[in-house]
Amino acid sequence: MFDIIPSIWLIEGKCVRLKRGDFSTQEVISNNPVELAQAFEDHGVRWLHLVDLDGARRGEPKNYHILEMITGYTDLKVDFTGGISTDGDVLKAFENGAYAITASSVAATYPERFSQWIMSYGREKIFMAADTNPADHKIKVRGWLKKTEIDVFDHIDFFYERGLKYLKCSDVTRDGVMEGPNLKLYEQIVEKYPSIHLAASGGVRNTDDFKTLKNIGVTSVVFGRAFYEGIITLKDIDKFMSENT
């Protein structure tokens, strides 16, 4: 099944949007993340990607209370991310209702720890984000504020061999600017790692992009800005879901 996964990005409990991960472009789009999550659920969405940007910047999650409210008032499968770096962070996310967690920085900085999480909590619960600039294919972490020297394909290789099943990949140059997904990057990942469940993120403009990604073998798409600017509507989501489920 191909899933469309809306993202809600949180700063100080409010829903925001950014361009290319640049915090200086921050715009508040809603003061009520629960209401927004409920609207998605009412239109057939099953998953939510909940991004704690405060946590990503500070290295530890700060918006568990929003996670708890969303999971308490919806039946969405919430994938929680942002600053998760210790076993305590993982456990607290699950205690507050997360269905799964996505980690980025810890996988790059402490790869053995992240590998152990896959073993301990299960590959259905531990997802990895591998976000990169295609100009050099280096991994970016800490809310994309820090560039590493790790090649994205070497990074995926390492964890693929250790049981990684779910991967989110963003072309950070396309995030929040609606210039279309980086199809070449996603085609390479699908070809190299045929059993990976790949969530493509960044650049989505419309539901035609959903269809294109589905057709190249991507298993889900994460989207945000196109919805918040009214280009993808709830009616569009209804139509896509009715035609593709």
Protein backbone atom coordinates (compact mmCIF):
# COMPACT_ATOMS: atom_id res chain seq x y z
CA MET A 1 0.00 0.00 0.00
CA PHE A 2 1.21 3.50 -0.86
CA ASP A 3 0.79 5.95 2.03
CA ILE A 4 0.57 9.72 1.83
CA ILE A 5 1.94 11.14 5.07
CA PRO A 6 1.35 14.75 6.04
CA SER A 7 4.00 16.35 8.20
CA ILE A 8 3.46 18.71 11.10
CA TRP A 9 6.56 20.65 12.15
CA LEU A 10 6.52 21.99 15.72
CA ILE A 11 8.23 24.95 17.34
CA GLU A 12 7.08 25.84 20.86
CA GLY A 13 3.95 23.74 20.37
CA LYS A 14 2.88 25.58 17.21
CA CYS A 15 2.72 24.25 13.65
CA VAL A 16 5.25 25.98 11.42
CA ARG A 17 6.70 25.73 7.94
CA LEU A 18 10.23 26.40 6.76
CA LYS A 19 11.99 26.68 3.41
CA ARG A 20 14.93 24.31 2.87
CA GLY A 21 15.08 23.74 6.62
CA ASP A 22 16.11 27.36 7.25
CA PHE A 23 14.80 28.40 10.67
CA SER A 24 14.91 32.07 9.70
CA THR A 25 12.07 31.42 7.23
CA GLN A 26 9.77 30.13 9.99
CA GLU A 27 6.05 30.87 9.56
CA VAL A 28 3.36 29.81 12.01
CA ILE A 29 0.51 28.08 10.16
CA SER A 30 -1.58 26.87 13.08
CA ASN A 31 -1.75 27.12 16.84
CA ASN A 32 -3.74 23.88 17.04
CA PRO A 33 -1.78 20.81 15.87
CA VAL A 34 -4.45 18.42 17.22
CA GLU A 35 -7.17 20.00 15.08
CA LEU A 36 -4.93 19.79 12.05
CA ALA A 37 -4.15 16.12 12.71
CA GLN A 38 -7.87 15.37 13.12
CA ALA A 39 -8.60 16.95 9.74
CA PHE A 40 -6.09 14.65 8.07
CA GLU A 41 -7.54 11.61 9.81
CA ASP A 42 -11.08 12.59 8.76
CA HIS A 43 -9.96 12.38 5.13
CA GLY A 44 -8.52 8.88 5.24
CA VAL A 45 -4.91 9.57 6.17
CA ARG A 46 -3.41 6.79 8.33
CA TRP A 47 0.01 8.19 9.21
CA LEU A 48 1.40 11.48 10.51
CA HIS A 49 5.03 12.60 10.50
CA LEU A 50 5.43 14.78 13.60
CA VAL A 51 8.65 16.79 13.67
CA ASP A 52 9.86 18.35 16.92
CA LEU A 53 12.07 21.13 15.57
CA ASP A 54 12.89 22.38 19.06
CA GLY A 55 14.16 18.89 19.81
CA ALA A 56 16.12 18.68 16.59
CA ARG A 57 17.98 21.89 17.41
CA ARG A 58 18.60 21.10 21.07
CA GLY A 59 19.39 17.41 20.79
CA GLU A 60 16.47 16.17 22.91
CA PRO A 61 12.71 16.17 22.24
CA LYS A 62 10.73 19.09 23.67
CA ASN A 63 7.18 18.55 22.34
CA TYR A 64 6.14 15.24 23.87
CA HIS A 65 2.96 16.93 25.13
CA ILE A 66 1.83 17.60 21.54
CA LEU A 67 2.58 13.99 20.62
CA GLU A 68 0.51 12.83 23.58
CA MET A 69 -2.44 15.06 22.62
CA ILE A 70 -2.45 13.99 18.97
CA THR A 71 -2.26 10.29 19.81
CA GLY A 72 -4.89 10.76 22.49
CA TYR A 73 -7.40 12.46 20.20
CA THR A 74 -6.77 10.59 16.93
CA ASP A 75 -6.05 7.03 15.80
CA LEU A 76 -3.25 8.16 13.51
CA LYS A 77 -0.03 6.20 13.43
CA VAL A 78 2.35 8.94 14.50
CA ASP A 79 5.99 8.78 13.44
CA PHE A 80 7.75 11.10 15.90
CA THR A 81 11.12 12.68 15.20
CA GLY A 82 13.37 15.47 16.41
CA GLY A 83 16.25 15.17 18.85
CA ILE A 84 15.77 11.52 19.79
CA SER A 85 19.21 10.42 20.93
CA THR A 86 18.90 8.11 23.97
CA ASP A 87 16.99 4.99 24.94
CA GLY A 88 15.08 7.18 27.37
CA ASP A 89 13.96 9.42 24.51
CA VAL A 90 12.74 6.41 22.54
CA LEU A 91 10.84 4.98 25.49
CA LYS A 92 9.26 8.34 26.31
CA ALA A 93 8.10 8.75 22.70
CA PHE A 94 6.41 5.35 22.83
CA GLU A 95 4.93 6.12 26.26
CA ASN A 96 3.37 9.26 24.77
CA GLY A 97 1.74 7.30 21.97
CA ALA A 98 4.20 7.29 19.07
CA TYR A 99 3.71 4.34 16.75
CA ALA A 100 7.29 4.68 15.50
CA ILE A 101 10.24 7.04 15.84
CA THR A 102 12.52 8.39 13.15
CA ALA A 103 16.11 9.17 14.06
CA SER A 104 18.73 11.01 12.04
CA SER A 105 21.51 12.53 14.12
CA VAL A 106 22.00 9.52 16.39
CA ALA A 107 22.32 7.20 13.40
CA ALA A 108 25.10 9.38 12.02
CA THR A 109 26.86 10.02 15.33
CA TYR A 110 26.32 6.75 17.19
CA PRO A 111 25.66 4.11 14.52
CA GLU A 112 26.04 1.14 16.85
CA ARG A 113 23.48 2.61 19.24
CA PHE A 114 20.98 3.07 16.42
CA SER A 115 21.66 -0.46 15.15
CA GLN A 116 20.88 -1.74 18.64
CA TRP A 117 17.58 0.15 18.62
CA ILE A 118 16.56 -1.67 15.45
CA MET A 119 17.29 -4.95 17.22
CA SER A 120 15.76 -4.02 20.58
CA TYR A 121 12.58 -2.19 19.56
CA GLY A 122 12.04 -3.86 16.18
CA ARG A 123 12.40 -2.75 12.59
CA GLU A 124 8.68 -1.84 12.43
CA LYS A 125 9.24 0.81 15.13
CA ILE A 126 12.63 2.35 14.38
CA PHE A 127 12.89 4.41 11.19
CA MET A 128 15.89 6.32 9.87
CA ALA A 129 16.07 9.68 8.13
CA ALA A 130 18.86 10.13 5.62
CA ASP A 131 18.60 13.75 4.48
CA THR A 132 21.07 15.06 1.98
CA ASN A 133 22.07 17.73 -0.47
CA PRO A 134 22.51 16.00 -3.86
CA ALA A 135 25.37 18.34 -4.73
CA ASP A 136 27.63 16.21 -2.53
CA HIS A 137 25.36 13.40 -1.19
CA LYS A 138 26.51 14.14 2.38
CA ILE A 139 24.15 13.50 5.29
CA LYS A 140 22.78 16.54 7.16
CA VAL A 141 21.66 16.25 10.79
CA ARG A 142 20.42 18.32 13.79
CA GLY A 143 17.48 19.73 11.89
CA TRP A 144 19.76 20.05 8.85
CA LEU A 145 21.86 22.60 10.69
CA LYS A 146 24.94 20.36 10.66
CA LYS A 147 26.61 18.77 7.65
CA THR A 148 28.51 15.51 8.08
CA GLU A 149 31.10 13.86 5.85
CA ILE A 150 28.99 10.70 5.58
CA ASP A 151 27.92 9.67 2.08
CA VAL A 152 24.19 8.99 1.94
CA PHE A 153 24.58 5.64 0.16
CA ASP A 154 27.32 4.43 2.53
CA HIS A 155 25.03 5.43 5.38
CA ILE A 156 22.06 3.49 4.05
CA ASP A 157 24.30 0.51 3.23
CA PHE A 158 25.47 0.25 6.82
CA PHE A 159 21.99 0.08 8.32
CA TYR A 160 20.43 -1.89 5.48
CA GLU A 161 22.87 -4.68 6.33
CA ARG A 162 21.70 -4.43 9.96
CA GLY A 163 18.01 -4.84 9.27
CA LEU A 164 16.76 -1.32 8.50
CA LYS A 165 13.32 -1.50 6.89
CA TYR A 166 11.93 2.05 6.92
CA LEU A 167 13.86 4.98 5.47
CA LYS A 168 12.85 8.61 4.96
CA CYS A 169 14.99 10.54 2.53
CA SER A 170 14.82 14.26 1.84
CA ASP A 171 16.61 16.33 -0.75
CA VAL A 172 17.10 19.31 1.56
CA THR A 173 17.44 21.74 -1.36
CA ARG A 174 13.84 21.01 -2.37
CA ASP A 175 12.16 20.98 1.00
CA GLY A 176 9.47 23.61 1.35
CA VAL A 177 9.97 25.11 -2.10
CA MET A 178 7.72 22.85 -4.21
CA GLU A 179 10.12 22.33 -7.11
CA GLY A 180 9.25 18.67 -7.53
CA PRO A 181 10.73 15.58 -5.85
CA ASN A 182 14.26 14.44 -6.65
CA LEU A 183 13.17 11.42 -8.67
CA LYS A 184 16.72 10.47 -9.66
CA LEU A 185 17.76 10.14 -6.01
CA TYR A 186 14.72 8.04 -5.12
CA GLU A 187 15.11 5.79 -8.16
CA GLN A 188 18.72 5.10 -7.10
CA ILE A 189 17.63 4.16 -3.58
CA VAL A 190 14.79 1.92 -4.78
CA GLU A 191 17.16 0.14 -7.18
CA LYS A 192 19.98 -0.34 -4.64
CA TYR A 193 17.78 -1.35 -1.69
CA PRO A 194 14.79 -3.24 -3.05
CA SER A 195 13.36 -4.26 0.33
CA ILE A 196 13.55 -0.78 1.88
CA HIS A 197 10.24 0.96 2.52
CA LEU A 198 11.16 4.41 1.24
CA ALA A 199 9.34 7.58 2.25
CA ALA A 200 10.22 10.37 -0.18
CA SER A 201 10.21 13.90 1.22
CA GLY A 202 10.85 17.33 -0.21
CA GLY A 203 9.59 19.23 -3.22
CA VAL A 204 6.12 17.70 -3.54
CA ARG A 205 3.82 20.00 -5.55
CA ASN A 206 0.60 18.08 -6.15
CA THR A 207 -1.02 14.65 -6.23
CA ASP A 208 0.58 13.97 -9.62
CA ASP A 209 3.86 13.84 -7.72
CA PHE A 210 2.28 11.26 -5.41
CA LYS A 211 1.45 9.12 -8.45
CA THR A 212 4.90 9.50 -9.99
CA LEU A 213 6.63 8.48 -6.77
CA LYS A 214 4.33 5.49 -6.38
CA ASN A 215 5.11 4.41 -9.94
CA ILE A 216 8.89 4.41 -9.39
CA GLY A 217 8.56 2.11 -6.38
CA VAL A 218 8.54 4.55 -3.46
CA THR A 219 6.23 3.23 -0.72
CA SER A 220 5.16 6.53 0.84
CA VAL A 221 5.47 10.28 0.48
CA VAL A 222 5.82 12.94 3.17
CA PHE A 223 4.36 16.32 2.27
CA GLY A 224 3.70 19.63 3.95
CA ARG A 225 4.07 23.00 2.31
CA ALA A 226 1.92 22.25 -0.75
CA PHE A 227 -0.95 21.45 1.61
CA TYR A 228 -0.41 24.44 3.86
CA GLU A 229 -0.39 26.77 0.86
CA GLY A 230 -3.67 25.28 -0.40
CA ILE A 231 -2.20 23.67 -3.52
CA ILE A 232 -2.98 20.16 -2.26
CA THR A 233 -6.43 20.28 -0.66
CA LEU A 234 -8.39 17.88 1.52
CA LYS A 235 -10.56 17.23 -1.54
CA ASP A 236 -7.42 16.26 -3.49
CA ILE A 237 -6.47 13.88 -0.67
CA ASP A 238 -9.98 12.35 -0.77
CA LYS A 239 -9.72 11.83 -4.53
CA PHE A 240 -6.24 10.31 -4.39
CA MET A 241 -7.20 7.99 -1.55
CA SER A 242 -10.32 6.77 -3.35
CA GLU A 243 -8.35 6.01 -6.51
CA ASN A 244 -5.28 4.47 -4.88
CA THR A 245 -6.45 2.31 -1.99
